Amino acid sequence: MAYTWRCFILQLDVLVNNAGRSQRANWEDIDLAVDKEMFDLNVFSVLSLSRIALQYFMKQNKGHIVVTSSLIGVKAIPYSASYAGVKHAIHVSLYLKLNNMFVA
């Protein structure tokens, strides 16, 4: 999917990804639709916005991406399987990409 960001951005210096939703339940009782909603909000929206911002930052040769997350993505706690999964996905996907990349 191609994104058209040029129409909306006048100037962007920092993207702060700070949206999210938590959920607590027994894993076996969670409806798959809830898992999909969690991934759409907590993972795919963050990845989509970060990709758009990164394209812009690369053209400008400067910019910062900040992602707030949770230690639950590293060490899960009871009744948080879906939330731990989405946070782990963010840790793995963005940390591995952005930690070794310098855009300044």
PDB file of N, CA and C in Angstrom:
ATOM      1  N   MET A   1       0.843  -1.181   0.000  1.00  0.00           N
ATOM      2  CA  MET A   1       0.000   0.000   0.000  1.00  0.00           C
ATOM      3  C   MET A   1       0.884   1.238   0.000  1.00  0.00           C
ATOM      4  N   ALA A   2       0.620   2.142  -0.877  1.00  0.00           N
ATOM      5  CA  ALA A   2       1.379   3.392  -0.958  1.00  0.00           C
ATOM      6  C   ALA A   2       0.721   4.448  -0.072  1.00  0.00           C
ATOM      7  N   TYR A   3       1.545   5.202   0.611  1.00  0.00           N
ATOM      8  CA  TYR A   3       1.052   6.249   1.495  1.00  0.00           C
ATOM      9  C   TYR A   3       1.348   7.620   0.893  1.00  0.00           C
ATOM     10  N   THR A   4       0.408   8.517   1.013  1.00  0.00           N
ATOM     11  CA  THR A   4       0.602   9.876   0.545  1.00  0.00           C
ATOM     12  C   THR A   4       0.711  10.779   1.767  1.00  0.00           C
ATOM     13  N   TRP A   5       1.917  11.078   2.171  1.00  0.00           N
ATOM     14  CA  TRP A   5       2.138  11.906   3.349  1.00  0.00           C
ATOM     15  C   TRP A   5       2.456  13.339   2.964  1.00  0.00           C
ATOM     16  N   ARG A   6       2.878  13.572   1.749  1.00  0.00           N
ATOM     17  CA  ARG A   6       3.302  14.905   1.339  1.00  0.00           C
ATOM     18  C   ARG A   6       2.195  15.944   1.490  1.00  0.00           C
ATOM     19  N   CYS A   7       0.964  15.512   1.365  1.00  0.00           N
ATOM     20  CA  CYS A   7      -0.167  16.447   1.423  1.00  0.00           C
ATOM     21  C   CYS A   7      -0.434  16.955   2.835  1.00  0.00           C
ATOM     22  N   PHE A   8       0.040  16.260   3.833  1.00  0.00           N
ATOM     23  CA  PHE A   8      -0.354  16.570   5.199  1.00  0.00           C
ATOM     24  C   PHE A   8       0.764  17.156   6.058  1.00  0.00           C
ATOM     25  N   ILE A   9       1.994  16.906   5.717  1.00  0.00           N
ATOM     26  CA  ILE A   9       3.102  17.301   6.580  1.00  0.00           C
ATOM     27  C   ILE A   9       3.711  18.605   6.080  1.00  0.00           C
ATOM     28  N   LEU A  10       3.691  19.626   6.943  1.00  0.00           N
ATOM     29  CA  LEU A  10       4.406  20.864   6.636  1.00  0.00           C
ATOM     30  C   LEU A  10       5.846  20.736   7.095  1.00  0.00           C
ATOM     31  N   GLN A  11       6.016  20.318   8.344  1.00  0.00           N
ATOM     32  CA  GLN A  11       7.337  20.014   8.875  1.00  0.00           C
ATOM     33  C   GLN A  11       7.158  19.051  10.024  1.00  0.00           C
ATOM     34  N   LEU A  12       7.983  18.033  10.055  1.00  0.00           N
ATOM     35  CA  LEU A  12       7.925  17.025  11.106  1.00  0.00           C
ATOM     36  C   LEU A  12       9.336  16.783  11.599  1.00  0.00           C
ATOM     37  N   ASP A  13       9.534  16.908  12.899  1.00  0.00           N
ATOM     38  CA  ASP A  13      10.846  16.664  13.486  1.00  0.00           C
ATOM     39  C   ASP A  13      10.862  15.399  14.331  1.00  0.00           C
ATOM     40  N   VAL A  14       9.740  15.104  14.988  1.00  0.00           N
ATOM     41  CA  VAL A  14       9.664  13.960  15.895  1.00  0.00           C
ATOM     42  C   VAL A  14       8.314  13.283  15.741  1.00  0.00           C
ATOM     43  N   LEU A  15       8.319  11.963  15.654  1.00  0.00           N
ATOM     44  CA  LEU A  15       7.093  11.180  15.735  1.00  0.00           C
ATOM     45  C   LEU A  15       7.118  10.453  17.070  1.00  0.00           C
ATOM     46  N   VAL A  16       6.114  10.679  17.893  1.00  0.00           N
ATOM     47  CA  VAL A  16       5.993   9.970  19.176  1.00  0.00           C
ATOM     48  C   VAL A  16       4.817   9.021  19.058  1.00  0.00           C
ATOM     49  N   ASN A  17       5.105   7.729  19.037  1.00  0.00           N
ATOM     50  CA  ASN A  17       4.075   6.686  19.001  1.00  0.00           C
ATOM     51  C   ASN A  17       3.701   6.350  20.434  1.00  0.00           C
ATOM     52  N   ASN A  18       2.521   6.799  20.859  1.00  0.00           N
ATOM     53  CA  ASN A  18       2.125   6.612  22.246  1.00  0.00           C
ATOM     54  C   ASN A  18       0.666   6.175  22.360  1.00  0.00           C
ATOM     55  N   ALA A  19       0.145   5.536  21.340  1.00  0.00           N
ATOM     56  CA  ALA A  19      -1.244   5.057  21.408  1.00  0.00           C
ATOM     57  C   ALA A  19      -1.223   3.590  21.782  1.00  0.00           C
ATOM     58  N   GLY A  20      -2.308   3.141  22.335  1.00  0.00           N
ATOM     59  CA  GLY A  20      -2.367   1.730  22.646  1.00  0.00           C
ATOM     60  C   GLY A  20      -3.576   1.371  23.485  1.00  0.00           C
ATOM     61  N   ARG A  21      -3.743   0.105  23.607  1.00  0.00           N
ATOM     62  CA  ARG A  21      -4.863  -0.425  24.377  1.00  0.00           C
ATOM     63  C   ARG A  21      -4.373  -1.679  25.080  1.00  0.00           C
ATOM     64  N   SER A  22      -4.770  -1.832  26.312  1.00  0.00           N
ATOM     65  CA  SER A  22      -4.416  -3.016  27.081  1.00  0.00           C
ATOM     66  C   SER A  22      -5.629  -3.925  27.192  1.00  0.00           C
ATOM     67  N   GLN A  23      -5.395  -5.108  27.686  1.00  0.00           N
ATOM     68  CA  GLN A  23      -6.482  -6.062  27.841  1.00  0.00           C
ATOM     69  C   GLN A  23      -6.022  -7.140  28.807  1.00  0.00           C
ATOM     70  N   ARG A  24      -6.906  -7.513  29.731  1.00  0.00           N
ATOM     71  CA  ARG A  24      -6.572  -8.554  30.704  1.00  0.00           C
ATOM     72  C   ARG A  24      -7.665  -9.615  30.685  1.00  0.00           C
ATOM     73  N   ALA A  25      -7.254 -10.857  30.448  1.00  0.00           N
ATOM     74  CA  ALA A  25      -8.203 -11.968  30.429  1.00  0.00           C
ATOM     75  C   ALA A  25      -7.416 -13.272  30.369  1.00  0.00           C
ATOM     76  N   ASN A  26      -8.105 -14.358  30.644  1.00  0.00           N
ATOM     77  CA  ASN A  26      -7.517 -15.672  30.420  1.00  0.00           C
ATOM     78  C   ASN A  26      -7.334 -15.836  28.915  1.00  0.00           C
ATOM     79  N   TRP A  27      -6.167 -16.289  28.512  1.00  0.00           N
ATOM     80  CA  TRP A  27      -5.861 -16.394  27.096  1.00  0.00           C
ATOM     81  C   TRP A  27      -6.892 -17.227  26.338  1.00  0.00           C
ATOM     82  N   GLU A  28      -7.315 -18.319  26.929  1.00  0.00           N
ATOM     83  CA  GLU A  28      -8.251 -19.207  26.235  1.00  0.00           C
ATOM     84  C   GLU A  28      -9.646 -18.608  26.082  1.00  0.00           C
ATOM     85  N   ASP A  29      -9.937 -17.535  26.806  1.00  0.00           N
ATOM     86  CA  ASP A  29     -11.250 -16.889  26.728  1.00  0.00           C
ATOM     87  C   ASP A  29     -11.286 -15.687  25.783  1.00  0.00           C
ATOM     88  N   ILE A  30     -10.165 -15.323  25.212  1.00  0.00           N
ATOM     89  CA  ILE A  30     -10.096 -14.125  24.380  1.00  0.00           C
ATOM     90  C   ILE A  30     -10.606 -14.441  22.980  1.00  0.00           C
ATOM     91  N   ASP A  31     -11.512 -13.637  22.499  1.00  0.00           N
ATOM     92  CA  ASP A  31     -12.029 -13.780  21.146  1.00  0.00           C
ATOM     93  C   ASP A  31     -10.966 -13.322  20.154  1.00  0.00           C
ATOM     94  N   LEU A  32     -10.851 -14.016  19.041  1.00  0.00           N
ATOM     95  CA  LEU A  32      -9.843 -13.675  18.043  1.00  0.00           C
ATOM     96  C   LEU A  32     -10.021 -12.250  17.512  1.00  0.00           C
ATOM     97  N   ALA A  33     -11.246 -11.765  17.464  1.00  0.00           N
ATOM     98  CA  ALA A  33     -11.494 -10.391  17.010  1.00  0.00           C
ATOM     99  C   ALA A  33     -10.809  -9.384  17.932  1.00  0.00           C
ATOM    100  N   VAL A  34     -10.761  -9.672  19.219  1.00  0.00           N
ATOM    101  CA  VAL A  34     -10.080  -8.789  20.180  1.00  0.00           C
ATOM    102  C   VAL A  34      -8.586  -8.772  19.885  1.00  0.00           C
ATOM    103  N   ASP A  35      -8.002  -9.935  19.626  1.00  0.00           N
ATOM    104  CA  ASP A  35      -6.575  -9.989  19.278  1.00  0.00           C
ATOM    105  C   ASP A  35      -6.301  -9.175  18.020  1.00  0.00           C
ATOM    106  N   LYS A  36      -7.148  -9.308  17.017  1.00  0.00           N
ATOM    107  CA  LYS A  36      -6.954  -8.560  15.773  1.00  0.00           C
ATOM    108  C   LYS A  36      -7.054  -7.053  16.003  1.00  0.00           C
ATOM    109  N   GLU A  37      -8.006  -6.632  16.825  1.00  0.00           N
ATOM    110  CA  GLU A  37      -8.133  -5.203  17.149  1.00  0.00           C
ATOM    111  C   GLU A  37      -6.895  -4.699  17.870  1.00  0.00           C
ATOM    112  N   MET A  38      -6.382  -5.514  18.798  1.00  0.00           N
ATOM    113  CA  MET A  38      -5.174  -5.114  19.540  1.00  0.00           C
ATOM    114  C   MET A  38      -3.989  -4.951  18.585  1.00  0.00           C
ATOM    115  N   PHE A  39      -3.815  -5.894  17.665  1.00  0.00           N
ATOM    116  CA  PHE A  39      -2.707  -5.792  16.719  1.00  0.00           C
ATOM    117  C   PHE A  39      -2.889  -4.624  15.764  1.00  0.00           C
ATOM    118  N   ASP A  40      -4.120  -4.375  15.319  1.00  0.00           N
ATOM    119  CA  ASP A  40      -4.358  -3.234  14.438  1.00  0.00           C
ATOM    120  C   ASP A  40      -3.957  -1.924  15.107  1.00  0.00           C
ATOM    121  N   LEU A  41      -4.371  -1.731  16.343  1.00  0.00           N
ATOM    122  CA  LEU A  41      -4.074  -0.476  17.045  1.00  0.00           C
ATOM    123  C   LEU A  41      -2.638  -0.425  17.541  1.00  0.00           C
ATOM    124  N   ASN A  42      -2.209  -1.446  18.258  1.00  0.00           N
ATOM    125  CA  ASN A  42      -0.924  -1.393  18.965  1.00  0.00           C
ATOM    126  C   ASN A  42       0.283  -1.702  18.089  1.00  0.00           C
ATOM    127  N   VAL A  43       0.083  -2.377  16.957  1.00  0.00           N
ATOM    128  CA  VAL A  43       1.220  -2.742  16.111  1.00  0.00           C
ATOM    129  C   VAL A  43       1.119  -2.078  14.739  1.00  0.00           C
ATOM    130  N   PHE A  44       0.067  -2.382  14.003  1.00  0.00           N
ATOM    131  CA  PHE A  44       0.009  -1.934  12.614  1.00  0.00           C
ATOM    132  C   PHE A  44      -0.102  -0.419  12.476  1.00  0.00           C
ATOM    133  N   SER A  45      -0.790   0.235  13.395  1.00  0.00           N
ATOM    134  CA  SER A  45      -0.848   1.705  13.316  1.00  0.00           C
ATOM    135  C   SER A  45       0.524   2.311  13.602  1.00  0.00           C
ATOM    136  N   VAL A  46       1.244   1.752  14.554  1.00  0.00           N
ATOM    137  CA  VAL A  46       2.591   2.243  14.885  1.00  0.00           C
ATOM    138  C   VAL A  46       3.542   2.009  13.715  1.00  0.00           C
ATOM    139  N   LEU A  47       3.489   0.808  13.127  1.00  0.00           N
ATOM    140  CA  LEU A  47       4.359   0.518  11.988  1.00  0.00           C
ATOM    141  C   LEU A  47       4.039   1.425  10.807  1.00  0.00           C
ATOM    142  N   SER A  48       2.763   1.621  10.528  1.00  0.00           N
ATOM    143  CA  SER A  48       2.365   2.455   9.388  1.00  0.00           C
ATOM    144  C   SER A  48       2.842   3.889   9.555  1.00  0.00           C
ATOM    145  N   LEU A  49       2.573   4.475  10.710  1.00  0.00           N
ATOM    146  CA  LEU A  49       3.003   5.856  10.941  1.00  0.00           C
ATOM    147  C   LEU A  49       4.522   5.989  10.946  1.00  0.00           C
ATOM    148  N   SER A  50       5.189   5.006  11.518  1.00  0.00           N
ATOM    149  CA  SER A  50       6.653   5.059  11.575  1.00  0.00           C
ATOM    150  C   SER A  50       7.254   4.969  10.184  1.00  0.00           C
ATOM    151  N   ARG A  51       6.695   4.144   9.316  1.00  0.00           N
ATOM    152  CA  ARG A  51       7.194   4.047   7.942  1.00  0.00           C
ATOM    153  C   ARG A  51       7.007   5.363   7.189  1.00  0.00           C
ATOM    154  N   ILE A  52       5.859   5.972   7.363  1.00  0.00           N
ATOM    155  CA  ILE A  52       5.604   7.258   6.705  1.00  0.00           C
ATOM    156  C   ILE A  52       6.594   8.299   7.207  1.00  0.00           C
ATOM    157  N   ALA A  53       6.752   8.374   8.522  1.00  0.00           N
ATOM    158  CA  ALA A  53       7.678   9.356   9.098  1.00  0.00           C
ATOM    159  C   ALA A  53       9.110   9.075   8.672  1.00  0.00           C
ATOM    160  N   LEU A  54       9.503   7.815   8.641  1.00  0.00           N
ATOM    161  CA  LEU A  54      10.875   7.466   8.272  1.00  0.00           C
ATOM    162  C   LEU A  54      11.180   7.892   6.836  1.00  0.00           C
ATOM    163  N   GLN A  55      10.227   7.694   5.930  1.00  0.00           N
ATOM    164  CA  GLN A  55      10.427   8.146   4.549  1.00  0.00           C
ATOM    165  C   GLN A  55      10.670   9.661   4.516  1.00  0.00           C
ATOM    166  N   TYR A  56       9.877  10.387   5.270  1.00  0.00           N
ATOM    167  CA  TYR A  56      10.016  11.838   5.340  1.00  0.00           C
ATOM    168  C   TYR A  56      11.359  12.218   5.957  1.00  0.00           C
ATOM    169  N   PHE A  57      11.727  11.577   7.073  1.00  0.00           N
ATOM    170  CA  PHE A  57      12.984  11.882   7.748  1.00  0.00           C
ATOM    171  C   PHE A  57      14.184  11.587   6.858  1.00  0.00           C
ATOM    172  N   MET A  58      14.110  10.512   6.101  1.00  0.00           N
ATOM    173  CA  MET A  58      15.221  10.170   5.220  1.00  0.00           C
ATOM    174  C   MET A  58      15.394  11.245   4.133  1.00  0.00           C
ATOM    175  N   LYS A  59      14.295  11.744   3.604  1.00  0.00           N
ATOM    176  CA  LYS A  59      14.390  12.816   2.598  1.00  0.00           C
ATOM    177  C   LYS A  59      14.922  14.102   3.210  1.00  0.00           C
ATOM    178  N   GLN A  60      14.545  14.393   4.464  1.00  0.00           N
ATOM    179  CA  GLN A  60      15.002  15.605   5.131  1.00  0.00           C
ATOM    180  C   GLN A  60      16.384  15.435   5.745  1.00  0.00           C
ATOM    181  N   ASN A  61      16.849  14.195   5.833  1.00  0.00           N
ATOM    182  CA  ASN A  61      18.127  13.851   6.458  1.00  0.00           C
ATOM    183  C   ASN A  61      18.157  14.205   7.944  1.00  0.00           C
ATOM    184  N   LYS A  62      16.984  14.172   8.575  1.00  0.00           N
ATOM    185  CA  LYS A  62      16.909  14.403  10.013  1.00  0.00           C
ATOM    186  C   LYS A  62      15.530  13.974  10.506  1.00  0.00           C
ATOM    187  N   GLY A  63      15.471  13.681  11.802  1.00  0.00           N
ATOM    188  CA  GLY A  63      14.203  13.326  12.428  1.00  0.00           C
ATOM    189  C   GLY A  63      14.378  12.257  13.484  1.00  0.00           C
ATOM    190  N   HIS A  64      13.366  12.127  14.320  1.00  0.00           N
ATOM    191  CA  HIS A  64      13.410  11.166  15.426  1.00  0.00           C
ATOM    192  C   HIS A  64      12.087  10.420  15.501  1.00  0.00           C
ATOM    193  N   ILE A  65      12.184   9.128  15.789  1.00  0.00           N
ATOM    194  CA  ILE A  65      10.997   8.309  16.042  1.00  0.00           C
ATOM    195  C   ILE A  65      11.101   7.801  17.467  1.00  0.00           C
ATOM    196  N   VAL A  66      10.067   8.091  18.251  1.00  0.00           N
ATOM    197  CA  VAL A  66       9.994   7.650  19.642  1.00  0.00           C
ATOM    198  C   VAL A  66       8.835   6.668  19.749  1.00  0.00           C
ATOM    199  N   VAL A  67       9.086   5.545  20.392  1.00  0.00           N
ATOM    200  CA  VAL A  67       8.040   4.540  20.583  1.00  0.00           C
ATOM    201  C   VAL A  67       7.956   4.217  22.068  1.00  0.00           C
ATOM    202  N   THR A  68       6.804   4.499  22.662  1.00  0.00           N
ATOM    203  CA  THR A  68       6.602   4.072  24.038  1.00  0.00           C
ATOM    204  C   THR A  68       6.027   2.665  23.982  1.00  0.00           C
ATOM    205  N   SER A  69       6.486   1.848  24.883  1.00  0.00           N
ATOM    206  CA  SER A  69       6.032   0.461  24.885  1.00  0.00           C
ATOM    207  C   SER A  69       5.878   0.003  26.321  1.00  0.00           C
ATOM    208  N   SER A  70       6.145  -1.241  26.564  1.00  0.00           N
ATOM    209  CA  SER A  70       5.960  -1.796  27.894  1.00  0.00           C
ATOM    210  C   SER A  70       6.944  -2.931  28.101  1.00  0.00           C
ATOM    211  N   LEU A  71       7.391  -3.076  29.324  1.00  0.00           N
ATOM    212  CA  LEU A  71       8.256  -4.211  29.650  1.00  0.00           C
ATOM    213  C   LEU A  71       7.521  -5.535  29.508  1.00  0.00           C
ATOM    214  N   ILE A  72       6.201  -5.480  29.446  1.00  0.00           N
ATOM    215  CA  ILE A  72       5.421  -6.708  29.259  1.00  0.00           C
ATOM    216  C   ILE A  72       5.767  -7.345  27.912  1.00  0.00           C
ATOM    217  N   GLY A  73       6.242  -6.569  26.967  1.00  0.00           N
ATOM    218  CA  GLY A  73       6.687  -7.130  25.705  1.00  0.00           C
ATOM    219  C   GLY A  73       7.954  -7.946  25.829  1.00  0.00           C
ATOM    220  N   VAL A  74       8.670  -7.778  26.922  1.00  0.00           N
ATOM    221  CA  VAL A  74       9.896  -8.524  27.184  1.00  0.00           C
ATOM    222  C   VAL A  74       9.641  -9.642  28.188  1.00  0.00           C
ATOM    223  N   LYS A  75       8.858  -9.340  29.206  1.00  0.00           N
ATOM    224  CA  LYS A  75       8.542 -10.303  30.274  1.00  0.00           C
ATOM    225  C   LYS A  75       7.050 -10.223  30.568  1.00  0.00           C
ATOM    226  N   ALA A  76       6.306 -11.189  30.060  1.00  0.00           N
ATOM    227  CA  ALA A  76       4.845 -11.180  30.203  1.00  0.00           C
ATOM    228  C   ALA A  76       4.420 -11.447  31.646  1.00  0.00           C
ATOM    229  N   ILE A  77       3.212 -11.006  31.976  1.00  0.00           N
ATOM    230  CA  ILE A  77       2.614 -11.267  33.280  1.00  0.00           C
ATOM    231  C   ILE A  77       1.290 -11.998  33.052  1.00  0.00           C
ATOM    232  N   PRO A  78       0.765 -12.644  34.078  1.00  0.00           N
ATOM    233  CA  PRO A  78      -0.495 -13.383  33.911  1.00  0.00           C
ATOM    234  C   PRO A  78      -1.631 -12.487  33.415  1.00  0.00           C
ATOM    235  N   TYR A  79      -2.512 -13.088  32.646  1.00  0.00           N
ATOM    236  CA  TYR A  79      -3.717 -12.445  32.113  1.00  0.00           C
ATOM    237  C   TYR A  79      -3.411 -11.322  31.119  1.00  0.00           C
ATOM    238  N   SER A  80      -2.249 -11.370  30.503  1.00  0.00           N
ATOM    239  CA  SER A  80      -1.906 -10.301  29.550  1.00  0.00           C
ATOM    240  C   SER A  80      -1.307 -10.864  28.262  1.00  0.00           C
ATOM    241  N   ALA A  81      -1.739 -12.031  27.844  1.00  0.00           N
ATOM    242  CA  ALA A  81      -1.121 -12.695  26.690  1.00  0.00           C
ATOM    243  C   ALA A  81      -1.232 -11.868  25.408  1.00  0.00           C
ATOM    244  N   SER A  82      -2.406 -11.363  25.102  1.00  0.00           N
ATOM    245  CA  SER A  82      -2.575 -10.588  23.865  1.00  0.00           C
ATOM    246  C   SER A  82      -1.762  -9.298  23.927  1.00  0.00           C
ATOM    247  N   TYR A  83      -1.823  -8.607  25.050  1.00  0.00           N
ATOM    248  CA  TYR A  83      -1.084  -7.366  25.212  1.00  0.00           C
ATOM    249  C   TYR A  83       0.419  -7.630  25.133  1.00  0.00           C
ATOM    250  N   ALA A  84       0.882  -8.706  25.767  1.00  0.00           N
ATOM    251  CA  ALA A  84       2.302  -9.056  25.710  1.00  0.00           C
ATOM    252  C   ALA A  84       2.722  -9.344  24.270  1.00  0.00           C
ATOM    253  N   GLY A  85       1.845  -9.985  23.521  1.00  0.00           N
ATOM    254  CA  GLY A  85       2.149 -10.295  22.125  1.00  0.00           C
ATOM    255  C   GLY A  85       2.318  -9.057  21.270  1.00  0.00           C
ATOM    256  N   VAL A  86       1.420  -8.090  21.425  1.00  0.00           N
ATOM    257  CA  VAL A  86       1.525  -6.881  20.603  1.00  0.00           C
ATOM    258  C   VAL A  86       2.736  -6.057  21.007  1.00  0.00           C
ATOM    259  N   LYS A  87       3.023  -5.993  22.284  1.00  0.00           N
ATOM    260  CA  LYS A  87       4.188  -5.222  22.720  1.00  0.00           C
ATOM    261  C   LYS A  87       5.486  -5.900  22.296  1.00  0.00           C
ATOM    262  N   HIS A  88       5.506  -7.229  22.312  1.00  0.00           N
ATOM    263  CA  HIS A  88       6.688  -7.947  21.839  1.00  0.00           C
ATOM    264  C   HIS A  88       6.893  -7.686  20.345  1.00  0.00           C
ATOM    265  N   ALA A  89       5.813  -7.662  19.583  1.00  0.00           N
ATOM    266  CA  ALA A  89       5.908  -7.389  18.150  1.00  0.00           C
ATOM    267  C   ALA A  89       6.531  -6.015  17.904  1.00  0.00           C
ATOM    268  N   ILE A  90       6.136  -5.027  18.695  1.00  0.00           N
ATOM    269  CA  ILE A  90       6.718  -3.684  18.558  1.00  0.00           C
ATOM    270  C   ILE A  90       8.196  -3.697  18.915  1.00  0.00           C
ATOM    271  N   HIS A  91       8.533  -4.355  20.028  1.00  0.00           N
ATOM    272  CA  HIS A  91       9.944  -4.425  20.436  1.00  0.00           C
ATOM    273  C   HIS A  91      10.794  -5.027  19.330  1.00  0.00           C
ATOM    274  N   VAL A  92      10.351  -6.136  18.782  1.00  0.00           N
ATOM    275  CA  VAL A  92      11.148  -6.843  17.780  1.00  0.00           C
ATOM    276  C   VAL A  92      11.207  -6.072  16.475  1.00  0.00           C
ATOM    277  N   SER A  93      10.068  -5.641  15.964  1.00  0.00           N
ATOM    278  CA  SER A  93      10.056  -5.028  14.637  1.00  0.00           C
ATOM    279  C   SER A  93      10.737  -3.669  14.616  1.00  0.00           C
ATOM    280  N   LEU A  94      10.400  -2.785  15.524  1.00  0.00           N
ATOM    281  CA  LEU A  94      10.979  -1.442  15.485  1.00  0.00           C
ATOM    282  C   LEU A  94      12.361  -1.372  16.116  1.00  0.00           C
ATOM    283  N   TYR A  95      12.581  -2.095  17.194  1.00  0.00           N
ATOM    284  CA  TYR A  95      13.895  -2.038  17.838  1.00  0.00           C
ATOM    285  C   TYR A  95      14.977  -2.530  16.887  1.00  0.00           C
ATOM    286  N   LEU A  96      14.725  -3.658  16.237  1.00  0.00           N
ATOM    287  CA  LEU A  96      15.743  -4.208  15.350  1.00  0.00           C
ATOM    288  C   LEU A  96      16.015  -3.292  14.167  1.00  0.00           C
ATOM    289  N   LYS A  97      14.990  -2.622  13.673  1.00  0.00           N
ATOM    290  CA  LYS A  97      15.173  -1.733  12.521  1.00  0.00           C
ATOM    291  C   LYS A  97      15.793  -0.402  12.927  1.00  0.00           C
ATOM    292  N   LEU A  98      15.198   0.232  13.932  1.00  0.00           N
ATOM    293  CA  LEU A  98      15.574   1.602  14.242  1.00  0.00           C
ATOM    294  C   LEU A  98      16.790   1.723  15.157  1.00  0.00           C
ATOM    295  N   ASN A  99      17.088   0.696  15.944  1.00  0.00           N
ATOM    296  CA  ASN A  99      18.205   0.789  16.874  1.00  0.00           C
ATOM    297  C   ASN A  99      19.538   0.917  16.134  1.00  0.00           C
ATOM    298  N   ASN A 100      19.637   0.321  14.974  1.00  0.00           N
ATOM    299  CA  ASN A 100      20.895   0.364  14.217  1.00  0.00           C
ATOM    300  C   ASN A 100      20.878   1.396  13.103  1.00  0.00           C
ATOM    301  N   MET A 101      19.895   2.274  13.134  1.00  0.00           N
ATOM    302  CA  MET A 101      19.768   3.269  12.090  1.00  0.00           C
ATOM    303  C   MET A 101      19.925   4.662  12.700  1.00  0.00           C
ATOM    304  N   PHE A 102      20.683   5.495  12.069  1.00  0.00           N
ATOM    305  CA  PHE A 102      20.876   6.844  12.575  1.00  0.00           C
ATOM    306  C   PHE A 102      20.368   7.829  11.536  1.00  0.00           C
ATOM    307  N   VAL A 103      19.359   8.599  11.918  1.00  0.00           N
ATOM    308  CA  VAL A 103      18.853   9.636  11.028  1.00  0.00           C
ATOM    309  C   VAL A 103      18.924  10.937  11.807  1.00  0.00           C
ATOM    310  N   ALA A 104      19.908  11.746  11.527  1.00  0.00           N
ATOM    311  CA  ALA A 104      20.041  13.011  12.256  1.00  0.00           C
ATOM    312  C   ALA A 104      20.687  14.058  11.392  1.00  0.00           C
TER     313      ALA A 104
END
